[in-house]
Amino acid sequence: MGMERHPSAMGSNQIQPELMSSAETSAFLGVSLNTLQKWRSRNMGPKYVKYGGANSAAVRYVTSDVINFRNSHTIHTNNTNLGD
């Protein structure tokens, strides 16, 4: 992972958002690849980018979208110090 420079249509270099593979996203969220696929088919889960046709598509996730998805599903509890 890392920021990469890609030439734009105008010929200048621009920094593109970091992209994560399905395997990286799966590991980051702690869910299986099968779960990610089910979420995509049900229009759930983090936003994703899809390149190519249905059977040979490359799926990538923008890192900030994955982090936002995780944060939006974080349950905040009463943070009392129990036993400290």
PDB file of N, CA and C in Angstrom:
ATOM      1  N   MET A   1       0.841  -1.164   0.000  1.00  0.00           N
ATOM      2  CA  MET A   1       0.000   0.000   0.000  1.00  0.00           C
ATOM      3  C   MET A   1       0.889   1.230   0.000  1.00  0.00           C
ATOM      4  N   GLY A   2       0.334   2.351  -0.380  1.00  0.00           N
ATOM      5  CA  GLY A   2       1.066   3.591  -0.379  1.00  0.00           C
ATOM      6  C   GLY A   2       0.515   4.507  -1.433  1.00  0.00           C
ATOM      7  N   MET A   3       0.836   5.763  -1.279  1.00  0.00           N
ATOM      8  CA  MET A   3       0.381   6.732  -2.258  1.00  0.00           C
ATOM      9  C   MET A   3       1.187   6.533  -3.530  1.00  0.00           C
ATOM     10  N   GLU A   4       0.531   6.585  -4.666  1.00  0.00           N
ATOM     11  CA  GLU A   4       1.201   6.407  -5.936  1.00  0.00           C
ATOM     12  C   GLU A   4       0.892   7.589  -6.829  1.00  0.00           C
ATOM     13  N   ARG A   5       1.857   7.954  -7.651  1.00  0.00           N
ATOM     14  CA  ARG A   5       1.644   9.019  -8.617  1.00  0.00           C
ATOM     15  C   ARG A   5       1.295   8.381  -9.958  1.00  0.00           C
ATOM     16  N   HIS A   6       0.245   8.887 -10.566  1.00  0.00           N
ATOM     17  CA  HIS A   6      -0.191   8.403 -11.863  1.00  0.00           C
ATOM     18  C   HIS A   6      -0.372   9.599 -12.783  1.00  0.00           C
ATOM     19  N   PRO A   7       0.039   9.476 -14.026  1.00  0.00           N
ATOM     20  CA  PRO A   7      -0.171  10.596 -14.925  1.00  0.00           C
ATOM     21  C   PRO A   7      -1.667  10.797 -15.178  1.00  0.00           C
ATOM     22  N   SER A   8      -2.099  12.036 -15.149  1.00  0.00           N
ATOM     23  CA  SER A   8      -3.507  12.341 -15.432  1.00  0.00           C
ATOM     24  C   SER A   8      -3.679  12.520 -16.932  1.00  0.00           C
ATOM     25  N   ALA A   9      -4.907  12.737 -17.356  1.00  0.00           N
ATOM     26  CA  ALA A   9      -5.196  12.941 -18.770  1.00  0.00           C
ATOM     27  C   ALA A   9      -4.505  14.185 -19.303  1.00  0.00           C
ATOM     28  N   MET A  10      -4.213  15.158 -18.438  1.00  0.00           N
ATOM     29  CA  MET A  10      -3.579  16.393 -18.867  1.00  0.00           C
ATOM     30  C   MET A  10      -2.053  16.276 -18.870  1.00  0.00           C
ATOM     31  N   GLY A  11      -1.503  15.156 -18.446  1.00  0.00           N
ATOM     32  CA  GLY A  11      -0.077  14.956 -18.507  1.00  0.00           C
ATOM     33  C   GLY A  11       0.675  15.276 -17.226  1.00  0.00           C
ATOM     34  N   SER A  12       0.029  15.854 -16.228  1.00  0.00           N
ATOM     35  CA  SER A  12       0.712  16.127 -14.970  1.00  0.00           C
ATOM     36  C   SER A  12       0.483  14.973 -14.010  1.00  0.00           C
ATOM     37  N   ASN A  13       1.380  14.842 -13.035  1.00  0.00           N
ATOM     38  CA  ASN A  13       1.228  13.780 -12.042  1.00  0.00           C
ATOM     39  C   ASN A  13       0.336  14.247 -10.913  1.00  0.00           C
ATOM     40  N   GLN A  14      -0.555  13.393 -10.475  1.00  0.00           N
ATOM     41  CA  GLN A  14      -1.430  13.676  -9.350  1.00  0.00           C
ATOM     42  C   GLN A  14      -1.363  12.502  -8.389  1.00  0.00           C
ATOM     43  N   ILE A  15      -1.475  12.784  -7.098  1.00  0.00           N
ATOM     44  CA  ILE A  15      -1.511  11.709  -6.110  1.00  0.00           C
ATOM     45  C   ILE A  15      -2.911  11.128  -6.086  1.00  0.00           C
ATOM     46  N   GLN A  16      -2.990   9.836  -6.259  1.00  0.00           N
ATOM     47  CA  GLN A  16      -4.275   9.133  -6.262  1.00  0.00           C
ATOM     48  C   GLN A  16      -4.540   8.567  -4.873  1.00  0.00           C
ATOM     49  N   PRO A  17      -5.807   8.400  -4.495  1.00  0.00           N
ATOM     50  CA  PRO A  17      -6.118   7.802  -3.189  1.00  0.00           C
ATOM     51  C   PRO A  17      -5.550   6.392  -3.106  1.00  0.00           C
ATOM     52  N   GLU A  18      -5.159   6.031  -1.921  1.00  0.00           N
ATOM     53  CA  GLU A  18      -4.638   4.693  -1.690  1.00  0.00           C
ATOM     54  C   GLU A  18      -5.758   3.684  -1.880  1.00  0.00           C
ATOM     55  N   LEU A  19      -5.490   2.627  -2.605  1.00  0.00           N
ATOM     56  CA  LEU A  19      -6.478   1.580  -2.845  1.00  0.00           C
ATOM     57  C   LEU A  19      -6.062   0.302  -2.134  1.00  0.00           C
ATOM     58  N   MET A  20      -7.052  -0.402  -1.612  1.00  0.00           N
ATOM     59  CA  MET A  20      -6.823  -1.672  -0.935  1.00  0.00           C
ATOM     60  C   MET A  20      -7.481  -2.785  -1.749  1.00  0.00           C
ATOM     61  N   SER A  21      -6.830  -3.918  -1.796  1.00  0.00           N
ATOM     62  CA  SER A  21      -7.423  -5.091  -2.437  1.00  0.00           C
ATOM     63  C   SER A  21      -8.517  -5.658  -1.531  1.00  0.00           C
ATOM     64  N   SER A  22      -9.274  -6.594  -2.069  1.00  0.00           N
ATOM     65  CA  SER A  22     -10.285  -7.268  -1.248  1.00  0.00           C
ATOM     66  C   SER A  22      -9.641  -7.998  -0.079  1.00  0.00           C
ATOM     67  N   ALA A  23      -8.486  -8.629  -0.326  1.00  0.00           N
ATOM     68  CA  ALA A  23      -7.800  -9.359   0.749  1.00  0.00           C
ATOM     69  C   ALA A  23      -7.347  -8.402   1.850  1.00  0.00           C
ATOM     70  N   GLU A  24      -6.803  -7.253   1.473  1.00  0.00           N
ATOM     71  CA  GLU A  24      -6.375  -6.262   2.467  1.00  0.00           C
ATOM     72  C   GLU A  24      -7.570  -5.720   3.248  1.00  0.00           C
ATOM     73  N   THR A  25      -8.659  -5.462   2.551  1.00  0.00           N
ATOM     74  CA  THR A  25      -9.871  -4.949   3.196  1.00  0.00           C
ATOM     75  C   THR A  25     -10.451  -5.990   4.136  1.00  0.00           C
ATOM     76  N   SER A  26     -10.471  -7.230   3.701  1.00  0.00           N
ATOM     77  CA  SER A  26     -10.956  -8.327   4.520  1.00  0.00           C
ATOM     78  C   SER A  26     -10.166  -8.418   5.821  1.00  0.00           C
ATOM     79  N   ALA A  27      -8.849  -8.368   5.716  1.00  0.00           N
ATOM     80  CA  ALA A  27      -7.997  -8.455   6.906  1.00  0.00           C
ATOM     81  C   ALA A  27      -8.193  -7.250   7.811  1.00  0.00           C
ATOM     82  N   PHE A  28      -8.289  -6.065   7.230  1.00  0.00           N
ATOM     83  CA  PHE A  28      -8.447  -4.838   8.005  1.00  0.00           C
ATOM     84  C   PHE A  28      -9.747  -4.850   8.800  1.00  0.00           C
ATOM     85  N   LEU A  29     -10.839  -5.300   8.168  1.00  0.00           N
ATOM     86  CA  LEU A  29     -12.150  -5.310   8.829  1.00  0.00           C
ATOM     87  C   LEU A  29     -12.376  -6.568   9.665  1.00  0.00           C
ATOM     88  N   GLY A  30     -11.548  -7.585   9.464  1.00  0.00           N
ATOM     89  CA  GLY A  30     -11.719  -8.829  10.214  1.00  0.00           C
ATOM     90  C   GLY A  30     -12.907  -9.648   9.752  1.00  0.00           C
ATOM     91  N   VAL A  31     -13.200  -9.583   8.447  1.00  0.00           N
ATOM     92  CA  VAL A  31     -14.281 -10.382   7.860  1.00  0.00           C
ATOM     93  C   VAL A  31     -13.708 -11.193   6.709  1.00  0.00           C
ATOM     94  N   SER A  32     -14.412 -12.216   6.302  1.00  0.00           N
ATOM     95  CA  SER A  32     -13.923 -13.069   5.221  1.00  0.00           C
ATOM     96  C   SER A  32     -14.111 -12.401   3.856  1.00  0.00           C
ATOM     97  N   LEU A  33     -13.361 -12.909   2.880  1.00  0.00           N
ATOM     98  CA  LEU A  33     -13.548 -12.443   1.500  1.00  0.00           C
ATOM     99  C   LEU A  33     -14.966 -12.730   1.031  1.00  0.00           C
ATOM    100  N   ASN A  34     -15.519 -13.850   1.473  1.00  0.00           N
ATOM    101  CA  ASN A  34     -16.884 -14.215   1.113  1.00  0.00           C
ATOM    102  C   ASN A  34     -17.877 -13.173   1.650  1.00  0.00           C
ATOM    103  N   THR A  35     -17.640 -12.689   2.861  1.00  0.00           N
ATOM    104  CA  THR A  35     -18.517 -11.659   3.438  1.00  0.00           C
ATOM    105  C   THR A  35     -18.452 -10.386   2.609  1.00  0.00           C
ATOM    106  N   LEU A  36     -17.254  -9.962   2.208  1.00  0.00           N
ATOM    107  CA  LEU A  36     -17.139  -8.768   1.362  1.00  0.00           C
ATOM    108  C   LEU A  36     -17.918  -8.935   0.061  1.00  0.00           C
ATOM    109  N   GLN A  37     -17.798 -10.120  -0.553  1.00  0.00           N
ATOM    110  CA  GLN A  37     -18.514 -10.377  -1.802  1.00  0.00           C
ATOM    111  C   GLN A  37     -20.023 -10.321  -1.581  1.00  0.00           C
ATOM    112  N   LYS A  38     -20.503 -10.894  -0.496  1.00  0.00           N
ATOM    113  CA  LYS A  38     -21.935 -10.852  -0.187  1.00  0.00           C
ATOM    114  C   LYS A  38     -22.400  -9.417   0.024  1.00  0.00           C
ATOM    115  N   TRP A  39     -21.596  -8.633   0.741  1.00  0.00           N
ATOM    116  CA  TRP A  39     -21.950  -7.232   0.954  1.00  0.00           C
ATOM    117  C   TRP A  39     -22.060  -6.494  -0.377  1.00  0.00           C
ATOM    118  N   ARG A  40     -21.101  -6.736  -1.288  1.00  0.00           N
ATOM    119  CA  ARG A  40     -21.157  -6.068  -2.593  1.00  0.00           C
ATOM    120  C   ARG A  40     -22.409  -6.470  -3.355  1.00  0.00           C
ATOM    121  N   SER A  41     -22.744  -7.755  -3.337  1.00  0.00           N
ATOM    122  CA  SER A  41     -23.908  -8.222  -4.089  1.00  0.00           C
ATOM    123  C   SER A  41     -25.220  -7.710  -3.499  1.00  0.00           C
ATOM    124  N   ARG A  42     -25.188  -7.347  -2.219  1.00  0.00           N
ATOM    125  CA  ARG A  42     -26.384  -6.820  -1.545  1.00  0.00           C
ATOM    126  C   ARG A  42     -26.341  -5.302  -1.386  1.00  0.00           C
ATOM    127  N   ASN A  43     -25.360  -4.672  -2.039  1.00  0.00           N
ATOM    128  CA  ASN A  43     -25.190  -3.219  -1.973  1.00  0.00           C
ATOM    129  C   ASN A  43     -25.014  -2.745  -0.532  1.00  0.00           C
ATOM    130  N   MET A  44     -24.188  -3.464   0.202  1.00  0.00           N
ATOM    131  CA  MET A  44     -23.874  -3.155   1.596  1.00  0.00           C
ATOM    132  C   MET A  44     -22.362  -3.004   1.710  1.00  0.00           C
ATOM    133  N   GLY A  45     -21.888  -2.776   2.912  1.00  0.00           N
ATOM    134  CA  GLY A  45     -20.453  -2.736   3.156  1.00  0.00           C
ATOM    135  C   GLY A  45     -19.835  -1.437   2.696  1.00  0.00           C
ATOM    136  N   PRO A  46     -18.498  -1.385   2.723  1.00  0.00           N
ATOM    137  CA  PRO A  46     -17.814  -0.159   2.316  1.00  0.00           C
ATOM    138  C   PRO A  46     -17.944   0.065   0.809  1.00  0.00           C
ATOM    139  N   LYS A  47     -17.873   1.335   0.404  1.00  0.00           N
ATOM    140  CA  LYS A  47     -17.885   1.657  -1.025  1.00  0.00           C
ATOM    141  C   LYS A  47     -16.683   0.995  -1.685  1.00  0.00           C
ATOM    142  N   TYR A  48     -16.830   0.662  -2.967  1.00  0.00           N
ATOM    143  CA  TYR A  48     -15.734   0.017  -3.681  1.00  0.00           C
ATOM    144  C   TYR A  48     -15.674   0.520  -5.114  1.00  0.00           C
ATOM    145  N   VAL A  49     -14.546   0.248  -5.746  1.00  0.00           N
ATOM    146  CA  VAL A  49     -14.312   0.603  -7.140  1.00  0.00           C
ATOM    147  C   VAL A  49     -14.195  -0.694  -7.907  1.00  0.00           C
ATOM    148  N   LYS A  50     -14.821  -0.750  -9.072  1.00  0.00           N
ATOM    149  CA  LYS A  50     -14.804  -1.983  -9.863  1.00  0.00           C
ATOM    150  C   LYS A  50     -14.321  -1.659 -11.274  1.00  0.00           C
ATOM    151  N   TYR A  51     -13.265  -2.336 -11.691  1.00  0.00           N
ATOM    152  CA  TYR A  51     -12.708  -2.170 -13.031  1.00  0.00           C
ATOM    153  C   TYR A  51     -12.936  -3.451 -13.819  1.00  0.00           C
ATOM    154  N   GLY A  52     -13.483  -3.341 -15.024  1.00  0.00           N
ATOM    155  CA  GLY A  52     -13.615  -4.505 -15.894  1.00  0.00           C
ATOM    156  C   GLY A  52     -15.011  -5.084 -15.894  1.00  0.00           C
ATOM    157  N   GLY A  53     -15.150  -6.203 -16.599  1.00  0.00           N
ATOM    158  CA  GLY A  53     -16.433  -6.869 -16.749  1.00  0.00           C
ATOM    159  C   GLY A  53     -16.826  -7.673 -15.529  1.00  0.00           C
ATOM    160  N   ALA A  54     -18.021  -8.210 -15.579  1.00  0.00           N
ATOM    161  CA  ALA A  54     -18.599  -8.906 -14.427  1.00  0.00           C
ATOM    162  C   ALA A  54     -17.751 -10.081 -13.948  1.00  0.00           C
ATOM    163  N   ASN A  55     -17.242 -10.885 -14.868  1.00  0.00           N
ATOM    164  CA  ASN A  55     -16.508 -12.094 -14.471  1.00  0.00           C
ATOM    165  C   ASN A  55     -15.031 -11.862 -14.204  1.00  0.00           C
ATOM    166  N   SER A  56     -14.476 -10.787 -14.746  1.00  0.00           N
ATOM    167  CA  SER A  56     -13.040 -10.562 -14.576  1.00  0.00           C
ATOM    168  C   SER A  56     -12.741  -9.211 -13.933  1.00  0.00           C
ATOM    169  N   ALA A  57     -13.678  -8.692 -13.195  1.00  0.00           N
ATOM    170  CA  ALA A  57     -13.527  -7.358 -12.615  1.00  0.00           C
ATOM    171  C   ALA A  57     -12.511  -7.345 -11.482  1.00  0.00           C
ATOM    172  N   ALA A  58     -11.766  -6.265 -11.419  1.00  0.00           N
ATOM    173  CA  ALA A  58     -10.873  -6.018 -10.290  1.00  0.00           C
ATOM    174  C   ALA A  58     -11.618  -5.094  -9.334  1.00  0.00           C
ATOM    175  N   VAL A  59     -11.701  -5.488  -8.086  1.00  0.00           N
ATOM    176  CA  VAL A  59     -12.391  -4.702  -7.069  1.00  0.00           C
ATOM    177  C   VAL A  59     -11.333  -4.118  -6.144  1.00  0.00           C
ATOM    178  N   ARG A  60     -11.449  -2.824  -5.879  1.00  0.00           N
ATOM    179  CA  ARG A  60     -10.553  -2.140  -4.959  1.00  0.00           C
ATOM    180  C   ARG A  60     -11.373  -1.257  -4.039  1.00  0.00           C
ATOM    181  N   TYR A  61     -10.824  -1.007  -2.865  1.00  0.00           N
ATOM    182  CA  TYR A  61     -11.479  -0.164  -1.861  1.00  0.00           C
ATOM    183  C   TYR A  61     -10.562   1.010  -1.549  1.00  0.00           C
ATOM    184  N   VAL A  62     -11.117   2.224  -1.518  1.00  0.00           N
ATOM    185  CA  VAL A  62     -10.336   3.391  -1.117  1.00  0.00           C
ATOM    186  C   VAL A  62     -10.178   3.315   0.402  1.00  0.00           C
ATOM    187  N   THR A  63      -8.948   3.414   0.860  1.00  0.00           N
ATOM    188  CA  THR A  63      -8.643   3.217   2.275  1.00  0.00           C
ATOM    189  C   THR A  63      -9.508   4.092   3.180  1.00  0.00           C
ATOM    190  N   SER A  64      -9.660   5.364   2.837  1.00  0.00           N
ATOM    191  CA  SER A  64     -10.461   6.259   3.692  1.00  0.00           C
ATOM    192  C   SER A  64     -11.916   5.809   3.766  1.00  0.00           C
ATOM    193  N   ASP A  65     -12.451   5.229   2.695  1.00  0.00           N
ATOM    194  CA  ASP A  65     -13.830   4.715   2.721  1.00  0.00           C
ATOM    195  C   ASP A  65     -13.952   3.515   3.652  1.00  0.00           C
ATOM    196  N   VAL A  66     -12.938   2.654   3.648  1.00  0.00           N
ATOM    197  CA  VAL A  66     -12.945   1.481   4.528  1.00  0.00           C
ATOM    198  C   VAL A  66     -12.863   1.926   5.990  1.00  0.00           C
ATOM    199  N   ILE A  67     -12.012   2.895   6.268  1.00  0.00           N
ATOM    200  CA  ILE A  67     -11.895   3.417   7.630  1.00  0.00           C
ATOM    201  C   ILE A  67     -13.202   4.073   8.063  1.00  0.00           C
ATOM    202  N   ASN A  68     -13.811   4.861   7.177  1.00  0.00           N
ATOM    203  CA  ASN A  68     -15.100   5.493   7.502  1.00  0.00           C
ATOM    204  C   ASN A  68     -16.186   4.454   7.749  1.00  0.00           C
ATOM    205  N   PHE A  69     -16.189   3.382   6.957  1.00  0.00           N
ATOM    206  CA  PHE A  69     -17.157   2.303   7.161  1.00  0.00           C
ATOM    207  C   PHE A  69     -16.985   1.689   8.538  1.00  0.00           C
ATOM    208  N   ARG A  70     -15.730   1.370   8.878  1.00  0.00           N
ATOM    209  CA  ARG A  70     -15.448   0.790  10.196  1.00  0.00           C
ATOM    210  C   ARG A  70     -15.882   1.741  11.309  1.00  0.00           C
ATOM    211  N   ASN A  71     -15.531   3.005  11.176  1.00  0.00           N
ATOM    212  CA  ASN A  71     -15.883   3.985  12.203  1.00  0.00           C
ATOM    213  C   ASN A  71     -17.394   4.165  12.340  1.00  0.00           C
ATOM    214  N   SER A  72     -18.115   4.087  11.230  1.00  0.00           N
ATOM    215  CA  SER A  72     -19.568   4.252  11.289  1.00  0.00           C
ATOM    216  C   SER A  72     -20.259   3.059  11.941  1.00  0.00           C
ATOM    217  N   HIS A  73     -19.545   1.950  12.085  1.00  0.00           N
ATOM    218  CA  HIS A  73     -20.097   0.759  12.723  1.00  0.00           C
ATOM    219  C   HIS A  73     -19.484   0.492  14.104  1.00  0.00           C
ATOM    220  N   THR A  74     -18.785   1.483  14.607  1.00  0.00           N
ATOM    221  CA  THR A  74     -18.191   1.362  15.933  1.00  0.00           C
ATOM    222  C   THR A  74     -19.248   1.709  16.972  1.00  0.00           C
ATOM    223  N   ILE A  75     -19.435   0.829  17.918  1.00  0.00           N
ATOM    224  CA  ILE A  75     -20.407   1.038  18.994  1.00  0.00           C
ATOM    225  C   ILE A  75     -19.675   1.691  20.158  1.00  0.00           C
ATOM    226  N   HIS A  76     -20.147   2.848  20.541  1.00  0.00           N
ATOM    227  CA  HIS A  76     -19.531   3.561  21.656  1.00  0.00           C
ATOM    228  C   HIS A  76     -20.237   3.135  22.945  1.00  0.00           C
ATOM    229  N   THR A  77     -19.457   2.782  23.916  1.00  0.00           N
ATOM    230  CA  THR A  77     -19.990   2.350  25.203  1.00  0.00           C
ATOM    231  C   THR A  77     -19.615   3.347  26.288  1.00  0.00           C
ATOM    232  N   ASN A  78     -20.227   3.177  27.437  1.00  0.00           N
ATOM    233  CA  ASN A  78     -19.884   3.993  28.582  1.00  0.00           C
ATOM    234  C   ASN A  78     -18.501   3.584  29.036  1.00  0.00           C
ATOM    235  N   ASN A  79     -17.555   4.486  28.927  1.00  0.00           N
ATOM    236  CA  ASN A  79     -16.158   4.165  29.214  1.00  0.00           C
ATOM    237  C   ASN A  79     -15.822   4.410  30.670  1.00  0.00           C
ATOM    238  N   THR A  80     -16.428   3.675  31.568  1.00  0.00           N
ATOM    239  CA  THR A  80     -16.050   3.796  32.975  1.00  0.00           C
ATOM    240  C   THR A  80     -14.890   2.857  33.235  1.00  0.00           C
ATOM    241  N   ASN A  81     -14.021   3.258  34.092  1.00  0.00           N
ATOM    242  CA  ASN A  81     -12.878   2.416  34.441  1.00  0.00           C
ATOM    243  C   ASN A  81     -13.313   1.360  35.454  1.00  0.00           C
ATOM    244  N   LEU A  82     -13.442   0.158  34.972  1.00  0.00           N
ATOM    245  CA  LEU A  82     -13.845  -0.945  35.839  1.00  0.00           C
ATOM    246  C   LEU A  82     -12.608  -1.763  36.200  1.00  0.00           C
ATOM    247  N   GLY A  83     -12.289  -1.772  37.451  1.00  0.00           N
ATOM    248  CA  GLY A  83     -11.199  -2.602  37.923  1.00  0.00           C
ATOM    249  C   GLY A  83      -9.809  -2.057  37.652  1.00  0.00           C
ATOM    250  N   ASP A  84      -9.681  -0.810  37.224  1.00  0.00           N
ATOM    251  CA  ASP A  84      -8.344  -0.254  36.993  1.00  0.00           C
ATOM    252  C   ASP A  84      -7.741   0.291  38.234  1.00  0.00           C
TER     253      ASP A  84
END
